[in-house]
Amino acid sequence: RIFALILSISLGFMANAGAFADTSGSFVGASDHVTTGNVSVTKNADGTHTVTLASNFTFDGAPDPWVGFGKDGKFVPASTLGELQNNNGTQSYIVPADVDPADFNEVYIFCLKFNVPLGVAALN
């Protein structure tokens, strides 16, 4: 009986390990920039994750904009996904294997050159 209990607990932990629920949010501008539109974070069949800016995404432009994650109002530089591909429209970014989207609750458009947020989307 003890073995069965240990096995049951172990299987429960393994089932929850790496659990990630797809999430989404809407951008709000920051630092006097206009950033709007939706973003989603999805887990792919191969276990990787993708951040997708939706077709309604718009950004008014700034130097050196990057896409990345943040938590509780702070951008995390180690989470950068790549330079912003376009100021408008659909674009996707593969999350590096060493970045776990479950560790964050925001997606940022962030100016690395001036170290300021340009847009933030709280994930829910």
PDB file of N, CA and C in Angstrom:
ATOM      1  N   ARG A   1       0.818  -1.201   0.000  1.00  0.00           N
ATOM      2  CA  ARG A   1       0.000   0.000   0.000  1.00  0.00           C
ATOM      3  C   ARG A   1       0.857   1.258   0.000  1.00  0.00           C
ATOM      4  N   ILE A   2       1.950   1.224   0.726  1.00  0.00           N
ATOM      5  CA  ILE A   2       2.828   2.386   0.742  1.00  0.00           C
ATOM      6  C   ILE A   2       3.419   2.613  -0.647  1.00  0.00           C
ATOM      7  N   PHE A   3       3.808   1.520  -1.319  1.00  0.00           N
ATOM      8  CA  PHE A   3       4.353   1.645  -2.668  1.00  0.00           C
ATOM      9  C   PHE A   3       3.324   2.272  -3.612  1.00  0.00           C
ATOM     10  N   ALA A   4       2.088   1.829  -3.497  1.00  0.00           N
ATOM     11  CA  ALA A   4       1.026   2.361  -4.357  1.00  0.00           C
ATOM     12  C   ALA A   4       0.816   3.848  -4.089  1.00  0.00           C
ATOM     13  N   LEU A   5       0.898   4.261  -2.838  1.00  0.00           N
ATOM     14  CA  LEU A   5       0.735   5.661  -2.484  1.00  0.00           C
ATOM     15  C   LEU A   5       1.888   6.494  -3.052  1.00  0.00           C
ATOM     16  N   ILE A   6       3.110   6.010  -2.898  1.00  0.00           N
ATOM     17  CA  ILE A   6       4.281   6.722  -3.423  1.00  0.00           C
ATOM     18  C   ILE A   6       4.194   6.824  -4.941  1.00  0.00           C
ATOM     19  N   LEU A   7       3.810   5.745  -5.603  1.00  0.00           N
ATOM     20  CA  LEU A   7       3.672   5.753  -7.049  1.00  0.00           C
ATOM     21  C   LEU A   7       2.612   6.762  -7.481  1.00  0.00           C
ATOM     22  N   SER A   8       1.498   6.800  -6.769  1.00  0.00           N
ATOM     23  CA  SER A   8       0.421   7.726  -7.095  1.00  0.00           C
ATOM     24  C   SER A   8       0.884   9.176  -6.943  1.00  0.00           C
ATOM     25  N   ILE A   9       1.604   9.479  -5.871  1.00  0.00           N
ATOM     26  CA  ILE A   9       2.104  10.836  -5.644  1.00  0.00           C
ATOM     27  C   ILE A   9       3.123  11.194  -6.724  1.00  0.00           C
ATOM     28  N   SER A  10       4.023  10.273  -7.057  1.00  0.00           N
ATOM     29  CA  SER A  10       5.042  10.530  -8.081  1.00  0.00           C
ATOM     30  C   SER A  10       4.404  10.805  -9.432  1.00  0.00           C
ATOM     31  N   LEU A  11       3.413  10.024  -9.803  1.00  0.00           N
ATOM     32  CA  LEU A  11       2.741  10.232 -11.088  1.00  0.00           C
ATOM     33  C   LEU A  11       2.026  11.575 -11.109  1.00  0.00           C
ATOM     34  N   GLY A  12       1.456  11.976  -9.976  1.00  0.00           N
ATOM     35  CA  GLY A  12       0.789  13.273  -9.893  1.00  0.00           C
ATOM     36  C   GLY A  12       1.767  14.408 -10.111  1.00  0.00           C
ATOM     37  N   PHE A  13       2.963  14.339  -9.498  1.00  0.00           N
ATOM     38  CA  PHE A  13       3.984  15.364  -9.701  1.00  0.00           C
ATOM     39  C   PHE A  13       4.460  15.381 -11.140  1.00  0.00           C
ATOM     40  N   MET A  14       4.646  14.222 -11.751  1.00  0.00           N
ATOM     41  CA  MET A  14       5.117  14.169 -13.137  1.00  0.00           C
ATOM     42  C   MET A  14       4.074  14.752 -14.082  1.00  0.00           C
ATOM     43  N   ALA A  15       2.804  14.538 -13.798  1.00  0.00           N
ATOM     44  CA  ALA A  15       1.754  15.065 -14.665  1.00  0.00           C
ATOM     45  C   ALA A  15       1.720  16.589 -14.624  1.00  0.00           C
ATOM     46  N   ASN A  16       2.097  17.172 -13.468  1.00  0.00           N
ATOM     47  CA  ASN A  16       2.068  18.621 -13.332  1.00  0.00           C
ATOM     48  C   ASN A  16       3.390  19.279 -13.710  1.00  0.00           C
ATOM     49  N   ALA A  17       4.433  18.500 -13.857  1.00  0.00           N
ATOM     50  CA  ALA A  17       5.737  19.075 -14.188  1.00  0.00           C
ATOM     51  C   ALA A  17       5.688  19.729 -15.560  1.00  0.00           C
ATOM     52  N   GLY A  18       6.175  20.956 -15.622  1.00  0.00           N
ATOM     53  CA  GLY A  18       6.207  21.657 -16.902  1.00  0.00           C
ATOM     54  C   GLY A  18       4.832  22.060 -17.406  1.00  0.00           C
ATOM     55  N   ALA A  19       3.838  22.047 -16.541  1.00  0.00           N
ATOM     56  CA  ALA A  19       2.490  22.408 -16.964  1.00  0.00           C
ATOM     57  C   ALA A  19       2.455  23.871 -17.373  1.00  0.00           C
ATOM     58  N   PHE A  20       1.851  24.142 -18.500  1.00  0.00           N
ATOM     59  CA  PHE A  20       1.714  25.505 -18.986  1.00  0.00           C
ATOM     60  C   PHE A  20       0.382  25.625 -19.682  1.00  0.00           C
ATOM     61  N   ALA A  21      -0.387  26.610 -19.281  1.00  0.00           N
ATOM     62  CA  ALA A  21      -1.670  26.858 -19.936  1.00  0.00           C
ATOM     63  C   ALA A  21      -1.483  27.995 -20.937  1.00  0.00           C
ATOM     64  N   ASP A  22      -1.959  27.811 -22.162  1.00  0.00           N
ATOM     65  CA  ASP A  22      -1.904  28.886 -23.145  1.00  0.00           C
ATOM     66  C   ASP A  22      -2.530  30.136 -22.535  1.00  0.00           C
ATOM     67  N   THR A  23      -1.974  31.280 -22.863  1.00  0.00           N
ATOM     68  CA  THR A  23      -2.426  32.524 -22.254  1.00  0.00           C
ATOM     69  C   THR A  23      -2.409  33.649 -23.281  1.00  0.00           C
ATOM     70  N   SER A  24      -3.068  34.744 -22.962  1.00  0.00           N
ATOM     71  CA  SER A  24      -3.106  35.871 -23.892  1.00  0.00           C
ATOM     72  C   SER A  24      -3.299  37.168 -23.123  1.00  0.00           C
ATOM     73  N   GLY A  25      -3.152  38.271 -23.840  1.00  0.00           N
ATOM     74  CA  GLY A  25      -3.343  39.585 -23.242  1.00  0.00           C
ATOM     75  C   GLY A  25      -3.444  40.643 -24.318  1.00  0.00           C
ATOM     76  N   SER A  26      -3.582  41.894 -23.883  1.00  0.00           N
ATOM     77  CA  SER A  26      -3.689  43.038 -24.792  1.00  0.00           C
ATOM     78  C   SER A  26      -2.666  44.086 -24.398  1.00  0.00           C
ATOM     79  N   PHE A  27      -1.986  44.640 -25.400  1.00  0.00           N
ATOM     80  CA  PHE A  27      -0.955  45.633 -25.141  1.00  0.00           C
ATOM     81  C   PHE A  27      -1.536  46.983 -24.733  1.00  0.00           C
ATOM     82  N   VAL A  28      -0.793  47.642 -23.853  1.00  0.00           N
ATOM     83  CA  VAL A  28      -1.040  49.020 -23.450  1.00  0.00           C
ATOM     84  C   VAL A  28       0.285  49.742 -23.647  1.00  0.00           C
ATOM     85  N   GLY A  29       0.252  50.928 -24.201  1.00  0.00           N
ATOM     86  CA  GLY A  29       1.470  51.681 -24.430  1.00  0.00           C
ATOM     87  C   GLY A  29       2.169  52.067 -23.137  1.00  0.00           C
ATOM     88  N   ALA A  30       3.472  52.339 -23.236  1.00  0.00           N
ATOM     89  CA  ALA A  30       4.265  52.761 -22.079  1.00  0.00           C
ATOM     90  C   ALA A  30       5.278  53.797 -22.539  1.00  0.00           C
ATOM     91  N   SER A  31       5.762  54.604 -21.620  1.00  0.00           N
ATOM     92  CA  SER A  31       6.788  55.615 -21.908  1.00  0.00           C
ATOM     93  C   SER A  31       6.368  56.534 -23.050  1.00  0.00           C
ATOM     94  N   ASP A  32       5.105  56.955 -23.015  1.00  0.00           N
ATOM     95  CA  ASP A  32       4.539  57.862 -24.034  1.00  0.00           C
ATOM     96  C   ASP A  32       4.504  57.260 -25.437  1.00  0.00           C
ATOM     97  N   HIS A  33       4.494  55.933 -25.540  1.00  0.00           N
ATOM     98  CA  HIS A  33       4.357  55.269 -26.836  1.00  0.00           C
ATOM     99  C   HIS A  33       2.981  54.637 -26.942  1.00  0.00           C
ATOM    100  N   VAL A  34       2.508  54.520 -28.177  1.00  0.00           N
ATOM    101  CA  VAL A  34       1.216  53.899 -28.450  1.00  0.00           C
ATOM    102  C   VAL A  34       1.478  52.471 -28.932  1.00  0.00           C
ATOM    103  N   THR A  35       1.046  51.527 -28.135  1.00  0.00           N
ATOM    104  CA  THR A  35       1.177  50.107 -28.474  1.00  0.00           C
ATOM    105  C   THR A  35      -0.163  49.466 -28.182  1.00  0.00           C
ATOM    106  N   THR A  36      -0.772  48.822 -29.184  1.00  0.00           N
ATOM    107  CA  THR A  36      -2.081  48.207 -29.010  1.00  0.00           C
ATOM    108  C   THR A  36      -2.100  46.836 -29.685  1.00  0.00           C
ATOM    109  N   GLY A  37      -3.137  46.089 -29.404  1.00  0.00           N
ATOM    110  CA  GLY A  37      -3.325  44.789 -30.039  1.00  0.00           C
ATOM    111  C   GLY A  37      -3.153  43.638 -29.067  1.00  0.00           C
ATOM    112  N   ASN A  38      -3.392  42.463 -29.579  1.00  0.00           N
ATOM    113  CA  ASN A  38      -3.378  41.259 -28.747  1.00  0.00           C
ATOM    114  C   ASN A  38      -2.101  40.458 -28.928  1.00  0.00           C
ATOM    115  N   VAL A  39      -1.802  39.666 -27.911  1.00  0.00           N
ATOM    116  CA  VAL A  39      -0.656  38.759 -27.935  1.00  0.00           C
ATOM    117  C   VAL A  39      -1.100  37.449 -27.302  1.00  0.00           C
ATOM    118  N   SER A  40      -0.542  36.337 -27.785  1.00  0.00           N
ATOM    119  CA  SER A  40      -0.832  35.035 -27.178  1.00  0.00           C
ATOM    120  C   SER A  40       0.479  34.277 -26.995  1.00  0.00           C
ATOM    121  N   VAL A  41       0.493  33.428 -25.985  1.00  0.00           N
ATOM    122  CA  VAL A  41       1.621  32.533 -25.731  1.00  0.00           C
ATOM    123  C   VAL A  41       1.053  31.126 -25.756  1.00  0.00           C
ATOM    124  N   THR A  42       1.561  30.294 -26.678  1.00  0.00           N
ATOM    125  CA  THR A  42       1.027  28.948 -26.841  1.00  0.00           C
ATOM    126  C   THR A  42       2.143  27.914 -26.741  1.00  0.00           C
ATOM    127  N   LYS A  43       1.750  26.737 -26.262  1.00  0.00           N
ATOM    128  CA  LYS A  43       2.678  25.613 -26.219  1.00  0.00           C
ATOM    129  C   LYS A  43       2.475  24.802 -27.489  1.00  0.00           C
ATOM    130  N   ASN A  44       3.570  24.539 -28.187  1.00  0.00           N
ATOM    131  CA  ASN A  44       3.520  23.790 -29.435  1.00  0.00           C
ATOM    132  C   ASN A  44       3.577  22.288 -29.162  1.00  0.00           C
ATOM    133  N   ALA A  45       3.200  21.488 -30.144  1.00  0.00           N
ATOM    134  CA  ALA A  45       3.174  20.032 -30.010  1.00  0.00           C
ATOM    135  C   ALA A  45       4.543  19.456 -29.640  1.00  0.00           C
ATOM    136  N   ASP A  46       5.618  20.131 -30.080  1.00  0.00           N
ATOM    137  CA  ASP A  46       6.967  19.627 -29.798  1.00  0.00           C
ATOM    138  C   ASP A  46       7.508  20.090 -28.442  1.00  0.00           C
ATOM    139  N   GLY A  47       6.668  20.790 -27.661  1.00  0.00           N
ATOM    140  CA  GLY A  47       7.063  21.238 -26.328  1.00  0.00           C
ATOM    141  C   GLY A  47       7.622  22.649 -26.283  1.00  0.00           C
ATOM    142  N   THR A  48       7.922  23.227 -27.445  1.00  0.00           N
ATOM    143  CA  THR A  48       8.386  24.612 -27.469  1.00  0.00           C
ATOM    144  C   THR A  48       7.194  25.551 -27.275  1.00  0.00           C
ATOM    145  N   HIS A  49       7.475  26.825 -27.108  1.00  0.00           N
ATOM    146  CA  HIS A  49       6.429  27.835 -26.961  1.00  0.00           C
ATOM    147  C   HIS A  49       6.610  28.915 -28.015  1.00  0.00           C
ATOM    148  N   THR A  50       5.498  29.526 -28.402  1.00  0.00           N
ATOM    149  CA  THR A  50       5.515  30.609 -29.371  1.00  0.00           C
ATOM    150  C   THR A  50       4.752  31.801 -28.816  1.00  0.00           C
ATOM    151  N   VAL A  51       5.340  32.984 -28.955  1.00  0.00           N
ATOM    152  CA  VAL A  51       4.655  34.239 -28.651  1.00  0.00           C
ATOM    153  C   VAL A  51       4.213  34.815 -29.993  1.00  0.00           C
ATOM    154  N   THR A  52       2.916  35.094 -30.129  1.00  0.00           N
ATOM    155  CA  THR A  52       2.375  35.620 -31.377  1.00  0.00           C
ATOM    156  C   THR A  52       1.693  36.963 -31.133  1.00  0.00           C
ATOM    157  N   LEU A  53       2.163  37.975 -31.849  1.00  0.00           N
ATOM    158  CA  LEU A  53       1.478  39.258 -31.855  1.00  0.00           C
ATOM    159  C   LEU A  53       0.407  39.160 -32.940  1.00  0.00           C
ATOM    160  N   ALA A  54      -0.824  39.514 -32.596  1.00  0.00           N
ATOM    161  CA  ALA A  54      -1.968  39.313 -33.489  1.00  0.00           C
ATOM    162  C   ALA A  54      -1.999  40.320 -34.625  1.00  0.00           C
ATOM    163  N   SER A  55      -2.884  40.080 -35.574  1.00  0.00           N
ATOM    164  CA  SER A  55      -3.008  40.946 -36.750  1.00  0.00           C
ATOM    165  C   SER A  55      -3.383  42.375 -36.360  1.00  0.00           C
ATOM    166  N   ASN A  56      -3.993  42.558 -35.180  1.00  0.00           N
ATOM    167  CA  ASN A  56      -4.389  43.906 -34.759  1.00  0.00           C
ATOM    168  C   ASN A  56      -3.279  44.627 -33.977  1.00  0.00           C
ATOM    169  N   PHE A  57      -2.070  44.045 -33.922  1.00  0.00           N
ATOM    170  CA  PHE A  57      -0.956  44.672 -33.216  1.00  0.00           C
ATOM    171  C   PHE A  57      -0.489  45.927 -33.956  1.00  0.00           C
ATOM    172  N   THR A  58      -0.310  47.026 -33.212  1.00  0.00           N
ATOM    173  CA  THR A  58       0.265  48.250 -33.768  1.00  0.00           C
ATOM    174  C   THR A  58       1.204  48.876 -32.740  1.00  0.00           C
ATOM    175  N   PHE A  59       2.252  49.501 -33.250  1.00  0.00           N
ATOM    176  CA  PHE A  59       3.240  50.176 -32.420  1.00  0.00           C
ATOM    177  C   PHE A  59       3.689  51.425 -33.165  1.00  0.00           C
ATOM    178  N   ASP A  60       3.809  52.553 -32.460  1.00  0.00           N
ATOM    179  CA  ASP A  60       4.120  53.821 -33.117  1.00  0.00           C
ATOM    180  C   ASP A  60       5.582  54.001 -33.483  1.00  0.00           C
ATOM    181  N   GLY A  61       6.436  53.075 -33.095  1.00  0.00           N
ATOM    182  CA  GLY A  61       7.834  53.110 -33.500  1.00  0.00           C
ATOM    183  C   GLY A  61       8.757  53.727 -32.463  1.00  0.00           C
ATOM    184  N   ALA A  62       9.966  53.199 -32.402  1.00  0.00           N
ATOM    185  CA  ALA A  62      11.022  53.679 -31.513  1.00  0.00           C
ATOM    186  C   ALA A  62      12.297  52.929 -31.895  1.00  0.00           C
ATOM    187  N   PRO A  63      13.448  53.437 -31.490  1.00  0.00           N
ATOM    188  CA  PRO A  63      14.683  52.715 -31.789  1.00  0.00           C
ATOM    189  C   PRO A  63      14.820  51.453 -30.939  1.00  0.00           C
ATOM    190  N   ASP A  64      15.380  50.416 -31.530  1.00  0.00           N
ATOM    191  CA  ASP A  64      15.785  49.204 -30.808  1.00  0.00           C
ATOM    192  C   ASP A  64      14.665  48.494 -30.035  1.00  0.00           C
ATOM    193  N   PRO A  65      13.485  48.280 -30.640  1.00  0.00           N
ATOM    194  CA  PRO A  65      12.417  47.576 -29.911  1.00  0.00           C
ATOM    195  C   PRO A  65      12.612  46.058 -29.954  1.00  0.00           C
ATOM    196  N   TRP A  66      12.499  45.426 -28.804  1.00  0.00           N
ATOM    197  CA  TRP A  66      12.625  43.979 -28.661  1.00  0.00           C
ATOM    198  C   TRP A  66      11.379  43.428 -27.999  1.00  0.00           C
ATOM    199  N   VAL A  67      11.128  42.144 -28.206  1.00  0.00           N
ATOM    200  CA  VAL A  67      10.011  41.445 -27.584  1.00  0.00           C
ATOM    201  C   VAL A  67      10.588  40.549 -26.496  1.00  0.00           C
ATOM    202  N   GLY A  68       9.943  40.540 -25.352  1.00  0.00           N
ATOM    203  CA  GLY A  68      10.396  39.688 -24.262  1.00  0.00           C
ATOM    204  C   GLY A  68       9.344  39.593 -23.171  1.00  0.00           C
ATOM    205  N   PHE A  69       9.697  38.901 -22.127  1.00  0.00           N
ATOM    206  CA  PHE A  69       8.781  38.696 -21.007  1.00  0.00           C
ATOM    207  C   PHE A  69       9.138  39.587 -19.829  1.00  0.00           C
ATOM    208  N   GLY A  70       8.169  39.754 -18.946  1.00  0.00           N
ATOM    209  CA  GLY A  70       8.383  40.455 -17.693  1.00  0.00           C
ATOM    210  C   GLY A  70       7.498  39.858 -16.625  1.00  0.00           C
ATOM    211  N   LYS A  71       7.705  40.327 -15.429  1.00  0.00           N
ATOM    212  CA  LYS A  71       6.906  39.856 -14.299  1.00  0.00           C
ATOM    213  C   LYS A  71       6.642  41.020 -13.355  1.00  0.00           C
ATOM    214  N   ASP A  72       5.378  41.196 -13.030  1.00  0.00           N
ATOM    215  CA  ASP A  72       4.951  42.178 -12.032  1.00  0.00           C
ATOM    216  C   ASP A  72       5.507  43.579 -12.307  1.00  0.00           C
ATOM    217  N   GLY A  73       5.452  44.012 -13.557  1.00  0.00           N
ATOM    218  CA  GLY A  73       5.846  45.366 -13.900  1.00  0.00           C
ATOM    219  C   GLY A  73       7.314  45.566 -14.207  1.00  0.00           C
ATOM    220  N   LYS A  74       8.081  44.484 -14.292  1.00  0.00           N
ATOM    221  CA  LYS A  74       9.513  44.607 -14.595  1.00  0.00           C
ATOM    222  C   LYS A  74       9.878  43.719 -15.770  1.00  0.00           C
ATOM    223  N   PHE A  75      10.493  44.327 -16.781  1.00  0.00           N
ATOM    224  CA  PHE A  75      11.005  43.584 -17.920  1.00  0.00           C
ATOM    225  C   PHE A  75      12.202  42.754 -17.471  1.00  0.00           C
ATOM    226  N   VAL A  76      12.304  41.517 -17.994  1.00  0.00           N
ATOM    227  CA  VAL A  76      13.417  40.622 -17.649  1.00  0.00           C
ATOM    228  C   VAL A  76      14.302  40.478 -18.893  1.00  0.00           C
ATOM    229  N   PRO A  77      15.454  41.165 -18.930  1.00  0.00           N
ATOM    230  CA  PRO A  77      16.309  41.164 -20.129  1.00  0.00           C
ATOM    231  C   PRO A  77      16.718  39.766 -20.599  1.00  0.00           C
ATOM    232  N   ALA A  78      16.875  38.826 -19.689  1.00  0.00           N
ATOM    233  CA  ALA A  78      17.280  37.469 -20.077  1.00  0.00           C
ATOM    234  C   ALA A  78      16.178  36.730 -20.836  1.00  0.00           C
ATOM    235  N   SER A  79      14.995  37.337 -20.937  1.00  0.00           N
ATOM    236  CA  SER A  79      13.856  36.683 -21.592  1.00  0.00           C
ATOM    237  C   SER A  79      13.619  37.179 -23.012  1.00  0.00           C
ATOM    238  N   THR A  80      14.528  37.959 -23.572  1.00  0.00           N
ATOM    239  CA  THR A  80      14.273  38.531 -24.895  1.00  0.00           C
ATOM    240  C   THR A  80      14.107  37.438 -25.946  1.00  0.00           C
ATOM    241  N   LEU A  81      13.147  37.671 -26.832  1.00  0.00           N
ATOM    242  CA  LEU A  81      12.785  36.702 -27.873  1.00  0.00           C
ATOM    243  C   LEU A  81      13.288  37.122 -29.244  1.00  0.00           C
ATOM    244  N   GLY A  82      13.654  38.374 -29.390  1.00  0.00           N
ATOM    245  CA  GLY A  82      14.136  38.876 -30.669  1.00  0.00           C
ATOM    246  C   GLY A  82      13.681  40.304 -30.889  1.00  0.00           C
ATOM    247  N   GLU A  83      14.302  40.930 -31.878  1.00  0.00           N
ATOM    248  CA  GLU A  83      13.898  42.279 -32.247  1.00  0.00           C
ATOM    249  C   GLU A  83      12.481  42.252 -32.810  1.00  0.00           C
ATOM    250  N   LEU A  84      11.737  43.315 -32.556  1.00  0.00           N
ATOM    251  CA  LEU A  84      10.403  43.447 -33.133  1.00  0.00           C
ATOM    252  C   LEU A  84      10.532  43.396 -34.647  1.00  0.00           C
ATOM    253  N   GLN A  85       9.780  42.489 -35.283  1.00  0.00           N
ATOM    254  CA  GLN A  85       9.896  42.280 -36.729  1.00  0.00           C
ATOM    255  C   GLN A  85       9.238  43.393 -37.532  1.00  0.00           C
ATOM    256  N   ASN A  86       8.095  43.871 -37.062  1.00  0.00           N
ATOM    257  CA  ASN A  86       7.329  44.907 -37.755  1.00  0.00           C
ATOM    258  C   ASN A  86       6.575  45.738 -36.728  1.00  0.00           C
ATOM    259  N   ASN A  87       6.252  46.974 -37.083  1.00  0.00           N
ATOM    260  CA  ASN A  87       5.474  47.825 -36.185  1.00  0.00           C
ATOM    261  C   ASN A  87       3.980  47.525 -36.228  1.00  0.00           C
ATOM    262  N   ASN A  88       3.558  46.689 -37.166  1.00  0.00           N
ATOM    263  CA  ASN A  88       2.136  46.357 -37.303  1.00  0.00           C
ATOM    264  C   ASN A  88       1.986  44.908 -37.728  1.00  0.00           C
ATOM    265  N   GLY A  89       0.892  44.301 -37.259  1.00  0.00           N
ATOM    266  CA  GLY A  89       0.499  43.006 -37.789  1.00  0.00           C
ATOM    267  C   GLY A  89       1.061  41.792 -37.091  1.00  0.00           C
ATOM    268  N   THR A  90       0.670  40.665 -37.646  1.00  0.00           N
ATOM    269  CA  THR A  90       1.005  39.358 -37.090  1.00  0.00           C
ATOM    270  C   THR A  90       2.491  39.067 -37.189  1.00  0.00           C
ATOM    271  N   GLN A  91       3.043  38.564 -36.102  1.00  0.00           N
ATOM    272  CA  GLN A  91       4.442  38.126 -36.071  1.00  0.00           C
ATOM    273  C   GLN A  91       4.615  37.146 -34.923  1.00  0.00           C
ATOM    274  N   SER A  92       5.510  36.197 -35.106  1.00  0.00           N
ATOM    275  CA  SER A  92       5.700  35.138 -34.110  1.00  0.00           C
ATOM    276  C   SER A  92       7.158  35.033 -33.693  1.00  0.00           C
ATOM    277  N   TYR A  93       7.340  34.646 -32.446  1.00  0.00           N
ATOM    278  CA  TYR A  93       8.667  34.498 -31.852  1.00  0.00           C
ATOM    279  C   TYR A  93       8.713  33.176 -31.090  1.00  0.00           C
ATOM    280  N   ILE A  94       9.696  32.348 -31.395  1.00  0.00           N
ATOM    281  CA  ILE A  94       9.878  31.090 -30.667  1.00  0.00           C
ATOM    282  C   ILE A  94      10.595  31.407 -29.359  1.00  0.00           C
ATOM    283  N   VAL A  95      10.074  30.885 -28.264  1.00  0.00           N
ATOM    284  CA  VAL A  95      10.680  31.107 -26.954  1.00  0.00           C
ATOM    285  C   VAL A  95      11.881  30.167 -26.807  1.00  0.00           C
ATOM    286  N   PRO A  96      13.056  30.710 -26.459  1.00  0.00           N
ATOM    287  CA  PRO A  96      14.228  29.844 -26.271  1.00  0.00           C
ATOM    288  C   PRO A  96      13.975  28.777 -25.205  1.00  0.00           C
ATOM    289  N   ALA A  97      14.623  27.641 -25.365  1.00  0.00           N
ATOM    290  CA  ALA A  97      14.410  26.510 -24.452  1.00  0.00           C
ATOM    291  C   ALA A  97      14.732  26.858 -23.001  1.00  0.00           C
ATOM    292  N   ASP A  98      15.658  27.800 -22.778  1.00  0.00           N
ATOM    293  CA  ASP A  98      16.030  28.141 -21.406  1.00  0.00           C
ATOM    294  C   ASP A  98      15.135  29.209 -20.773  1.00  0.00           C
ATOM    295  N   VAL A  99      14.065  29.605 -21.467  1.00  0.00           N
ATOM    296  CA  VAL A  99      13.100  30.571 -20.939  1.00  0.00           C
ATOM    297  C   VAL A  99      11.762  29.852 -20.755  1.00  0.00           C
ATOM    298  N   ASP A 100      11.250  29.851 -19.525  1.00  0.00           N
ATOM    299  CA  ASP A 100       9.976  29.203 -19.230  1.00  0.00           C
ATOM    300  C   ASP A 100       8.874  30.258 -19.134  1.00  0.00           C
ATOM    301  N   PRO A 101       7.942  30.282 -20.080  1.00  0.00           N
ATOM    302  CA  PRO A 101       6.880  31.293 -20.063  1.00  0.00           C
ATOM    303  C   PRO A 101       6.052  31.269 -18.772  1.00  0.00           C
ATOM    304  N   ALA A 102       6.011  30.134 -18.098  1.00  0.00           N
ATOM    305  CA  ALA A 102       5.244  30.035 -16.854  1.00  0.00           C
ATOM    306  C   ALA A 102       5.842  30.906 -15.748  1.00  0.00           C
ATOM    307  N   ASP A 103       7.085  31.358 -15.923  1.00  0.00           N
ATOM    308  CA  ASP A 103       7.744  32.200 -14.918  1.00  0.00           C
ATOM    309  C   ASP A 103       7.356  33.672 -15.036  1.00  0.00           C
ATOM    310  N   PHE A 104       6.562  34.038 -16.040  1.00  0.00           N
ATOM    311  CA  PHE A 104       6.271  35.438 -16.325  1.00  0.00           C
ATOM    312  C   PHE A 104       4.774  35.691 -16.412  1.00  0.00           C
ATOM    313  N   ASN A 105       4.369  36.957 -16.254  1.00  0.00           N
ATOM    314  CA  ASN A 105       2.952  37.296 -16.393  1.00  0.00           C
ATOM    315  C   ASN A 105       2.722  38.497 -17.313  1.00  0.00           C
ATOM    316  N   GLU A 106       3.763  38.866 -18.083  1.00  0.00           N
ATOM    317  CA  GLU A 106       3.638  39.975 -19.023  1.00  0.00           C
ATOM    318  C   GLU A 106       4.506  39.726 -20.257  1.00  0.00           C
ATOM    319  N   VAL A 107       4.064  40.285 -21.383  1.00  0.00           N
ATOM    320  CA  VAL A 107       4.887  40.342 -22.594  1.00  0.00           C
ATOM    321  C   VAL A 107       5.176  41.823 -22.839  1.00  0.00           C
ATOM    322  N   TYR A 108       6.421  42.112 -23.179  1.00  0.00           N
ATOM    323  CA  TYR A 108       6.871  43.489 -23.370  1.00  0.00           C
ATOM    324  C   TYR A 108       7.332  43.747 -24.798  1.00  0.00           C
ATOM    325  N   ILE A 109       7.125  44.975 -25.241  1.00  0.00           N
ATOM    326  CA  ILE A 109       7.890  45.575 -26.318  1.00  0.00           C
ATOM    327  C   ILE A 109       8.796  46.543 -25.554  1.00  0.00           C
ATOM    328  N   PHE A 110      10.099  46.351 -25.669  1.00  0.00           N
ATOM    329  CA  PHE A 110      11.040  47.050 -24.804  1.00  0.00           C
ATOM    330  C   PHE A 110      12.186  47.628 -25.617  1.00  0.00           C
ATOM    331  N   CYS A 111      12.553  48.883 -25.347  1.00  0.00           N
ATOM    332  CA  CYS A 111      13.678  49.517 -26.011  1.00  0.00           C
ATOM    333  C   CYS A 111      14.951  49.198 -25.226  1.00  0.00           C
ATOM    334  N   LEU A 112      15.796  48.347 -25.803  1.00  0.00           N
ATOM    335  CA  LEU A 112      17.039  47.994 -25.119  1.00  0.00           C
ATOM    336  C   LEU A 112      18.011  49.175 -25.094  1.00  0.00           C
ATOM    337  N   LYS A 113      18.030  49.965 -26.165  1.00  0.00           N
ATOM    338  CA  LYS A 113      18.967  51.090 -26.253  1.00  0.00           C
ATOM    339  C   LYS A 113      18.772  52.085 -25.114  1.00  0.00           C
ATOM    340  N   PHE A 114      17.522  52.417 -24.810  1.00  0.00           N
ATOM    341  CA  PHE A 114      17.236  53.407 -23.769  1.00  0.00           C
ATOM    342  C   PHE A 114      16.675  52.791 -22.488  1.00  0.00           C
ATOM    343  N   ASN A 115      16.564  51.452 -22.470  1.00  0.00           N
ATOM    344  CA  ASN A 115      16.127  50.729 -21.263  1.00  0.00           C
ATOM    345  C   ASN A 115      14.759  51.194 -20.756  1.00  0.00           C
ATOM    346  N   VAL A 116      13.787  51.276 -21.687  1.00  0.00           N
ATOM    347  CA  VAL A 116      12.435  51.689 -21.305  1.00  0.00           C
ATOM    348  C   VAL A 116      11.393  50.778 -21.961  1.00  0.00           C
ATOM    349  N   PRO A 117      10.287  50.538 -21.261  1.00  0.00           N
ATOM    350  CA  PRO A 117       9.197  49.774 -21.869  1.00  0.00           C
ATOM    351  C   PRO A 117       8.466  50.639 -22.893  1.00  0.00           C
ATOM    352  N   LEU A 118       8.043  50.001 -23.987  1.00  0.00           N
ATOM    353  CA  LEU A 118       7.297  50.697 -25.043  1.00  0.00           C
ATOM    354  C   LEU A 118       5.854  50.228 -25.101  1.00  0.00           C
ATOM    355  N   GLY A 119       5.620  49.039 -24.583  1.00  0.00           N
ATOM    356  CA  GLY A 119       4.288  48.464 -24.504  1.00  0.00           C
ATOM    357  C   GLY A 119       4.322  47.240 -23.627  1.00  0.00           C
ATOM    358  N   VAL A 120       3.231  47.012 -22.899  1.00  0.00           N
ATOM    359  CA  VAL A 120       3.154  45.878 -21.983  1.00  0.00           C
ATOM    360  C   VAL A 120       1.786  45.222 -22.119  1.00  0.00           C
ATOM    361  N   ALA A 121       1.795  43.893 -22.160  1.00  0.00           N
ATOM    362  CA  ALA A 121       0.539  43.140 -22.183  1.00  0.00           C
ATOM    363  C   ALA A 121       0.541  42.197 -20.982  1.00  0.00           C
ATOM    364  N   ALA A 122      -0.378  42.429 -20.051  1.00  0.00           N
ATOM    365  CA  ALA A 122      -0.557  41.518 -18.929  1.00  0.00           C
ATOM    366  C   ALA A 122      -1.197  40.248 -19.449  1.00  0.00           C
ATOM    367  N   LEU A 123      -0.645  39.104 -19.065  1.00  0.00           N
ATOM    368  CA  LEU A 123      -1.164  37.807 -19.521  1.00  0.00           C
ATOM    369  C   LEU A 123      -2.175  37.269 -18.515  1.00  0.00           C
ATOM    370  N   ASN A 124      -3.243  36.677 -19.053  1.00  0.00           N
ATOM    371  CA  ASN A 124      -4.239  36.087 -18.163  1.00  0.00           C
ATOM    372  C   ASN A 124      -4.606  34.700 -18.591  1.00  0.00           C
TER     373      ASN A 124
END
